PDB file of N, CA and C in Angstrom:
ATOM      1  N   MET A   1     -17.403  27.775   0.995  1.00  0.00           N
ATOM      2  CA  MET A   1     -16.750  26.489   0.784  1.00  0.00           C
ATOM      3  C   MET A   1     -15.347  26.546   1.390  1.00  0.00           C
ATOM      4  N   ALA A   2     -14.987  25.504   2.067  1.00  0.00           N
ATOM      5  CA  ALA A   2     -13.675  25.451   2.717  1.00  0.00           C
ATOM      6  C   ALA A   2     -12.571  25.308   1.683  1.00  0.00           C
ATOM      7  N   LEU A   3     -11.468  25.974   1.950  1.00  0.00           N
ATOM      8  CA  LEU A   3     -10.328  25.895   1.050  1.00  0.00           C
ATOM      9  C   LEU A   3      -9.689  24.508   1.099  1.00  0.00           C
ATOM     10  N   PHE A   4      -9.583  23.975   2.290  1.00  0.00           N
ATOM     11  CA  PHE A   4      -9.018  22.648   2.463  1.00  0.00           C
ATOM     12  C   PHE A   4     -10.043  21.773   3.161  1.00  0.00           C
ATOM     13  N   LYS A   5     -10.274  20.608   2.603  1.00  0.00           N
ATOM     14  CA  LYS A   5     -11.194  19.673   3.239  1.00  0.00           C
ATOM     15  C   LYS A   5     -10.425  18.800   4.211  1.00  0.00           C
ATOM     16  N   LYS A   6     -11.016  18.558   5.360  1.00  0.00           N
ATOM     17  CA  LYS A   6     -10.415  17.659   6.329  1.00  0.00           C
ATOM     18  C   LYS A   6     -10.594  16.232   5.831  1.00  0.00           C
ATOM     19  N   ARG A   7      -9.505  15.534   5.764  1.00  0.00           N
ATOM     20  CA  ARG A   7      -9.545  14.160   5.291  1.00  0.00           C
ATOM     21  C   ARG A   7      -9.974  13.271   6.445  1.00  0.00           C
ATOM     22  N   THR A   8     -11.126  12.676   6.315  1.00  0.00           N
ATOM     23  CA  THR A   8     -11.652  11.866   7.403  1.00  0.00           C
ATOM     24  C   THR A   8     -11.466  10.377   7.169  1.00  0.00           C
ATOM     25  N   ALA A   9     -11.351   9.956   5.942  1.00  0.00           N
ATOM     26  CA  ALA A   9     -11.187   8.533   5.646  1.00  0.00           C
ATOM     27  C   ALA A   9      -9.826   8.298   5.019  1.00  0.00           C
ATOM     28  N   GLY A  10      -9.212   7.212   5.403  1.00  0.00           N
ATOM     29  CA  GLY A  10      -7.914   6.881   4.850  1.00  0.00           C
ATOM     30  C   GLY A  10      -8.033   6.181   3.513  1.00  0.00           C
ATOM     31  N   LYS A  11      -6.915   6.143   2.836  1.00  0.00           N
ATOM     32  CA  LYS A  11      -6.867   5.430   1.566  1.00  0.00           C
ATOM     33  C   LYS A  11      -6.485   3.976   1.829  1.00  0.00           C
ATOM     34  N   PRO A  12      -7.132   3.058   1.166  1.00  0.00           N
ATOM     35  CA  PRO A  12      -6.711   1.658   1.307  1.00  0.00           C
ATOM     36  C   PRO A  12      -5.250   1.525   0.872  1.00  0.00           C
ATOM     37  N   GLY A  13      -4.491   0.794   1.616  1.00  0.00           N
ATOM     38  CA  GLY A  13      -3.087   0.597   1.270  1.00  0.00           C
ATOM     39  C   GLY A  13      -2.147   1.567   1.960  1.00  0.00           C
ATOM     40  N   GLU A  14      -2.658   2.572   2.662  1.00  0.00           N
ATOM     41  CA  GLU A  14      -1.822   3.462   3.468  1.00  0.00           C
ATOM     42  C   GLU A  14      -1.879   2.969   4.904  1.00  0.00           C
ATOM     43  N   TRP A  15      -0.743   2.714   5.472  1.00  0.00           N
ATOM     44  CA  TRP A  15      -0.678   2.183   6.832  1.00  0.00           C
ATOM     45  C   TRP A  15       0.007   3.177   7.745  1.00  0.00           C
ATOM     46  N   TYR A  16      -0.483   3.283   8.964  1.00  0.00           N
ATOM     47  CA  TYR A  16       0.044   4.218   9.954  1.00  0.00           C
ATOM     48  C   TYR A  16       0.236   3.486  11.269  1.00  0.00           C
ATOM     49  N   TYR A  17       1.122   4.033  12.103  1.00  0.00           N
ATOM     50  CA  TYR A  17       1.266   3.532  13.463  1.00  0.00           C
ATOM     51  C   TYR A  17       0.789   4.630  14.392  1.00  0.00           C
ATOM     52  N   CYS A  18      -0.228   4.344  15.191  1.00  0.00           N
ATOM     53  CA  CYS A  18      -0.799   5.311  16.132  1.00  0.00           C
ATOM     54  C   CYS A  18       0.008   5.278  17.419  1.00  0.00           C
ATOM     55  N   LEU A  19       0.553   6.431  17.800  1.00  0.00           N
ATOM     56  CA  LEU A  19       1.362   6.535  19.005  1.00  0.00           C
ATOM     57  C   LEU A  19       0.521   6.530  20.273  1.00  0.00           C
ATOM     58  N   VAL A  20      -0.734   6.919  20.175  1.00  0.00           N
ATOM     59  CA  VAL A  20      -1.622   6.950  21.337  1.00  0.00           C
ATOM     60  C   VAL A  20      -2.142   5.551  21.657  1.00  0.00           C
ATOM     61  N   HIS A  21      -2.658   4.887  20.634  1.00  0.00           N
ATOM     62  CA  HIS A  21      -3.260   3.566  20.829  1.00  0.00           C
ATOM     63  C   HIS A  21      -2.256   2.426  20.677  1.00  0.00           C
ATOM     64  N   LYS A  22      -1.053   2.765  20.211  1.00  0.00           N
ATOM     65  CA  LYS A  22       0.021   1.780  20.026  1.00  0.00           C
ATOM     66  C   LYS A  22      -0.437   0.627  19.139  1.00  0.00           C
ATOM     67  N   LYS A  23      -1.005   1.018  17.985  1.00  0.00           N
ATOM     68  CA  LYS A  23      -1.476  -0.006  17.054  1.00  0.00           C
ATOM     69  C   LYS A  23      -1.345   0.488  15.621  1.00  0.00           C
ATOM     70  N   VAL A  24      -1.364  -0.459  14.710  1.00  0.00           N
ATOM     71  CA  VAL A  24      -1.310  -0.173  13.280  1.00  0.00           C
ATOM     72  C   VAL A  24      -2.723   0.073  12.793  1.00  0.00           C
ATOM     73  N   GLU A  25      -2.884   1.088  11.938  1.00  0.00           N
ATOM     74  CA  GLU A  25      -4.200   1.382  11.354  1.00  0.00           C
ATOM     75  C   GLU A  25      -4.059   1.560   9.849  1.00  0.00           C
ATOM     76  N   GLU A  26      -5.069   1.127   9.136  1.00  0.00           N
ATOM     77  CA  GLU A  26      -5.079   1.345   7.688  1.00  0.00           C
ATOM     78  C   GLU A  26      -5.813   2.647   7.435  1.00  0.00           C
ATOM     79  N   GLY A  27      -5.107   3.567   6.799  1.00  0.00           N
ATOM     80  CA  GLY A  27      -5.674   4.894   6.611  1.00  0.00           C
ATOM     81  C   GLY A  27      -5.569   5.672   7.903  1.00  0.00           C
ATOM     82  N   PRO A  28      -5.530   6.986   7.829  1.00  0.00           N
ATOM     83  CA  PRO A  28      -5.384   7.760   9.063  1.00  0.00           C
ATOM     84  C   PRO A  28      -6.672   7.782   9.876  1.00  0.00           C
ATOM     85  N   GLU A  29      -6.651   7.138  11.011  1.00  0.00           N
ATOM     86  CA  GLU A  29      -7.797   7.163  11.910  1.00  0.00           C
ATOM     87  C   GLU A  29      -7.595   8.203  13.000  1.00  0.00           C
ATOM     88  N   CYS A  30      -6.354   8.396  13.415  1.00  0.00           N
ATOM     89  CA  CYS A  30      -6.040   9.338  14.487  1.00  0.00           C
ATOM     90  C   CYS A  30      -5.386  10.583  13.888  1.00  0.00           C
ATOM     91  N   PRO A  31      -5.346  11.689  14.641  1.00  0.00           N
ATOM     92  CA  PRO A  31      -4.740  12.926  14.136  1.00  0.00           C
ATOM     93  C   PRO A  31      -3.271  12.736  13.758  1.00  0.00           C
ATOM     94  N   ALA A  32      -2.795  13.525  12.824  1.00  0.00           N
ATOM     95  CA  ALA A  32      -1.424  13.413  12.329  1.00  0.00           C
ATOM     96  C   ALA A  32      -0.395  13.564  13.438  1.00  0.00           C
ATOM     97  N   LYS A  33      -0.691  14.377  14.445  1.00  0.00           N
ATOM     98  CA  LYS A  33       0.267  14.581  15.534  1.00  0.00           C
ATOM     99  C   LYS A  33       0.467  13.320  16.367  1.00  0.00           C
ATOM    100  N   ASP A  34      -0.419  12.355  16.223  1.00  0.00           N
ATOM    101  CA  ASP A  34      -0.372  11.136  17.022  1.00  0.00           C
ATOM    102  C   ASP A  34       0.022   9.895  16.229  1.00  0.00           C
ATOM    103  N   ARG A  35       0.606  10.061  15.057  1.00  0.00           N
ATOM    104  CA  ARG A  35       0.895   8.866  14.262  1.00  0.00           C
ATOM    105  C   ARG A  35       2.168   9.018  13.435  1.00  0.00           C
ATOM    106  N   PHE A  36       2.737   7.886  13.068  1.00  0.00           N
ATOM    107  CA  PHE A  36       3.836   7.798  12.117  1.00  0.00           C
ATOM    108  C   PHE A  36       3.272   7.222  10.833  1.00  0.00           C
ATOM    109  N   GLY A  37       3.769   7.677   9.705  1.00  0.00           N
ATOM    110  CA  GLY A  37       3.341   7.110   8.438  1.00  0.00           C
ATOM    111  C   GLY A  37       3.099   8.185   7.415  1.00  0.00           C
ATOM    112  N   PRO A  38       2.681   7.834   6.251  1.00  0.00           N
ATOM    113  CA  PRO A  38       2.189   6.520   5.846  1.00  0.00           C
ATOM    114  C   PRO A  38       3.312   5.556   5.464  1.00  0.00           C
ATOM    115  N   TYR A  39       3.019   4.291   5.626  1.00  0.00           N
ATOM    116  CA  TYR A  39       3.891   3.208   5.208  1.00  0.00           C
ATOM    117  C   TYR A  39       3.165   2.444   4.108  1.00  0.00           C
ATOM    118  N   THR A  40       3.918   1.757   3.265  1.00  0.00           N
ATOM    119  CA  THR A  40       3.299   1.054   2.143  1.00  0.00           C
ATOM    120  C   THR A  40       2.727  -0.305   2.530  1.00  0.00           C
ATOM    121  N   THR A  41       3.228  -0.872   3.641  1.00  0.00           N
ATOM    122  CA  THR A  41       2.706  -2.172   4.073  1.00  0.00           C
ATOM    123  C   THR A  41       2.410  -2.157   5.568  1.00  0.00           C
ATOM    124  N   ARG A  42       1.584  -3.076   5.974  1.00  0.00           N
ATOM    125  CA  ARG A  42       1.265  -3.227   7.396  1.00  0.00           C
ATOM    126  C   ARG A  42       2.526  -3.590   8.187  1.00  0.00           C
ATOM    127  N   ALA A  43       3.356  -4.444   7.612  1.00  0.00           N
ATOM    128  CA  ALA A  43       4.586  -4.873   8.282  1.00  0.00           C
ATOM    129  C   ALA A  43       5.514  -3.693   8.548  1.00  0.00           C
ATOM    130  N   GLU A  44       5.636  -2.771   7.598  1.00  0.00           N
ATOM    131  CA  GLU A  44       6.465  -1.587   7.808  1.00  0.00           C
ATOM    132  C   GLU A  44       5.909  -0.740   8.947  1.00  0.00           C
ATOM    133  N   ALA A  45       4.602  -0.576   8.989  1.00  0.00           N
ATOM    134  CA  ALA A  45       3.979   0.216  10.054  1.00  0.00           C
ATOM    135  C   ALA A  45       4.192  -0.445  11.415  1.00  0.00           C
ATOM    136  N   GLN A  46       4.185  -1.774  11.463  1.00  0.00           N
ATOM    137  CA  GLN A  46       4.410  -2.478  12.724  1.00  0.00           C
ATOM    138  C   GLN A  46       5.824  -2.249  13.248  1.00  0.00           C
ATOM    139  N   GLN A  47       6.748  -1.950  12.362  1.00  0.00           N
ATOM    140  CA  GLN A  47       8.145  -1.718  12.745  1.00  0.00           C
ATOM    141  C   GLN A  47       8.447  -0.234  12.973  1.00  0.00           C
ATOM    142  N   ALA A  48       7.439   0.610  12.990  1.00  0.00           N
ATOM    143  CA  ALA A  48       7.631   2.063  13.074  1.00  0.00           C
ATOM    144  C   ALA A  48       8.437   2.479  14.301  1.00  0.00           C
ATOM    145  N   MET A  49       8.133   1.935  15.456  1.00  0.00           N
ATOM    146  CA  MET A  49       8.840   2.329  16.681  1.00  0.00           C
ATOM    147  C   MET A  49      10.298   1.861  16.652  1.00  0.00           C
ATOM    148  N   ASP A  50      10.545   0.675  16.119  1.00  0.00           N
ATOM    149  CA  ASP A  50      11.925   0.191  16.003  1.00  0.00           C
ATOM    150  C   ASP A  50      12.721   1.082  15.057  1.00  0.00           C
ATOM    151  N   LEU A  51      12.127   1.450  13.941  1.00  0.00           N
ATOM    152  CA  LEU A  51      12.785   2.320  12.982  1.00  0.00           C
ATOM    153  C   LEU A  51      13.072   3.688  13.596  1.00  0.00           C
ATOM    154  N   ALA A  52      12.128   4.227  14.338  1.00  0.00           N
ATOM    155  CA  ALA A  52      12.323   5.523  14.999  1.00  0.00           C
ATOM    156  C   ALA A  52      13.468   5.438  16.003  1.00  0.00           C
ATOM    157  N   ARG A  53      13.517   4.345  16.779  1.00  0.00           N
ATOM    158  CA  ARG A  53      14.607   4.161  17.751  1.00  0.00           C
ATOM    159  C   ARG A  53      15.962   4.107  17.043  1.00  0.00           C
ATOM    160  N   GLU A  54      16.034   3.353  15.937  1.00  0.00           N
ATOM    161  CA  GLU A  54      17.282   3.235  15.175  1.00  0.00           C
ATOM    162  C   GLU A  54      17.712   4.592  14.632  1.00  0.00           C
ATOM    163  N   ARG A  55      16.784   5.344  14.074  1.00  0.00           N
ATOM    164  CA  ARG A  55      17.114   6.660  13.516  1.00  0.00           C
ATOM    165  C   ARG A  55      17.546   7.627  14.607  1.00  0.00           C
ATOM    166  N   ASN A  56      16.882   7.587  15.747  1.00  0.00           N
ATOM    167  CA  ASN A  56      17.278   8.461  16.856  1.00  0.00           C
ATOM    168  C   ASN A  56      18.686   8.134  17.333  1.00  0.00           C
ATOM    169  N   LEU A  57      18.997   6.860  17.440  1.00  0.00           N
ATOM    170  CA  LEU A  57      20.321   6.443  17.880  1.00  0.00           C
ATOM    171  C   LEU A  57      21.385   6.892  16.877  1.00  0.00           C
ATOM    172  N   GLU A  58      21.103   6.728  15.581  1.00  0.00           N
ATOM    173  CA  GLU A  58      22.039   7.183  14.552  1.00  0.00           C
ATOM    174  C   GLU A  58      22.265   8.690  14.663  1.00  0.00           C
ATOM    175  N   TRP A  59      21.193   9.443  14.848  1.00  0.00           N
ATOM    176  CA  TRP A  59      21.306  10.888  14.944  1.00  0.00           C
ATOM    177  C   TRP A  59      22.090  11.298  16.185  1.00  0.00           C
ATOM    178  N   GLU A  60      21.809  10.656  17.312  1.00  0.00           N
ATOM    179  CA  GLU A  60      22.500  10.998  18.550  1.00  0.00           C
ATOM    180  C   GLU A  60      23.998  10.726  18.469  1.00  0.00           C
ATOM    181  N   ASN A  61      24.387   9.765  17.646  1.00  0.00           N
ATOM    182  CA  ASN A  61      25.797   9.402  17.533  1.00  0.00           C
ATOM    183  C   ASN A  61      26.470   9.974  16.296  1.00  0.00           C
ATOM    184  N   ASP A  62      25.794  10.807  15.547  1.00  0.00           N
ATOM    185  CA  ASP A  62      26.359  11.391  14.335  1.00  0.00           C
ATOM    186  C   ASP A  62      27.088  12.683  14.688  1.00  0.00           C
ATOM    187  N   PRO A  63      28.399  12.719  14.532  1.00  0.00           N
ATOM    188  CA  PRO A  63      29.152  13.915  14.920  1.00  0.00           C
ATOM    189  C   PRO A  63      28.810  15.152  14.079  1.00  0.00           C
ATOM    190  N   ARG A  64      28.255  14.965  12.911  1.00  0.00           N
ATOM    191  CA  ARG A  64      27.891  16.116  12.075  1.00  0.00           C
ATOM    192  C   ARG A  64      26.750  16.926  12.676  1.00  0.00           C
ATOM    193  N   TRP A  65      25.982  16.338  13.582  1.00  0.00           N
ATOM    194  CA  TRP A  65      24.818  17.010  14.138  1.00  0.00           C
ATOM    195  C   TRP A  65      25.052  17.582  15.532  1.00  0.00           C
ATOM    196  N   HIS A  66      26.273  17.510  16.004  1.00  0.00           N
ATOM    197  CA  HIS A  66      26.556  18.003  17.348  1.00  0.00           C
ATOM    198  C   HIS A  66      27.691  19.009  17.301  1.00  0.00           C
ATOM    199  N   ASP A  67      27.546  20.074  18.058  1.00  0.00           N
ATOM    200  CA  ASP A  67      28.632  21.026  18.194  1.00  0.00           C
ATOM    201  C   ASP A  67      29.676  20.407  19.112  1.00  0.00           C
ATOM    202  N   ALA A  68      30.885  20.885  18.956  1.00  0.00           N
ATOM    203  CA  ALA A  68      31.950  20.405  19.842  1.00  0.00           C
ATOM    204  C   ALA A  68      31.641  20.876  21.256  1.00  0.00           C
ATOM    205  N   PRO A  69      31.858  20.017  22.228  1.00  0.00           N
ATOM    206  CA  PRO A  69      31.574  20.433  23.608  1.00  0.00           C
ATOM    207  C   PRO A  69      32.483  21.584  24.006  1.00  0.00           C
ATOM    208  N   THR A  70      31.935  22.507  24.758  1.00  0.00           N
ATOM    209  CA  THR A  70      32.737  23.631  25.234  1.00  0.00           C
ATOM    210  C   THR A  70      32.851  23.537  26.739  1.00  0.00           C
ATOM    211  N   SER A  71      33.993  23.912  27.224  1.00  0.00           N
ATOM    212  CA  SER A  71      34.182  23.905  28.662  1.00  0.00           C
ATOM    213  C   SER A  71      33.825  25.275  29.210  1.00  0.00           C
ATOM    214  N   PRO A  72      33.541  25.391  30.478  1.00  0.00           N
ATOM    215  CA  PRO A  72      33.170  26.680  31.067  1.00  0.00           C
ATOM    216  C   PRO A  72      34.275  27.735  30.946  1.00  0.00           C
ATOM    217  N   THR A  73      35.510  27.312  30.728  1.00  0.00           N
ATOM    218  CA  THR A  73      36.620  28.269  30.617  1.00  0.00           C
ATOM    219  C   THR A  73      36.836  28.768  29.191  1.00  0.00           C
ATOM    220  N   ASP A  74      36.075  28.203  28.224  1.00  0.00           N
ATOM    221  CA  ASP A  74      36.225  28.602  26.818  1.00  0.00           C
ATOM    222  C   ASP A  74      35.344  29.796  26.482  1.00  0.00           C
ATOM    223  N   GLU A  75      35.549  30.910  27.112  1.00  0.00           N
ATOM    224  CA  GLU A  75      34.766  32.095  26.800  1.00  0.00           C
ATOM    225  C   GLU A  75      35.587  33.026  25.941  1.00  0.00           C
ATOM    226  N   ASN A  76      35.010  33.581  24.911  1.00  0.00           N
ATOM    227  CA  ASN A  76      35.732  34.467  23.989  1.00  0.00           C
ATOM    228  C   ASN A  76      35.427  35.905  24.284  1.00  0.00           C
TER     229      ASN A  76
END
């Protein structure tokens, strides 16, 4: 008997955004590596790419996540 069962059917009410097919799906239809989610509503899943873009932009502009730039002459 397998220790972990592969989940083949999604749960009703779980929404995902498939990065391969560029569509919203109820329950996981595609592999986890190819999707964002779960989201609680279809509308949230439809906004997945916008949310990812916003979060990436916030991260790229957050000074706490970047080291100070070093110049080539700053060798210790």
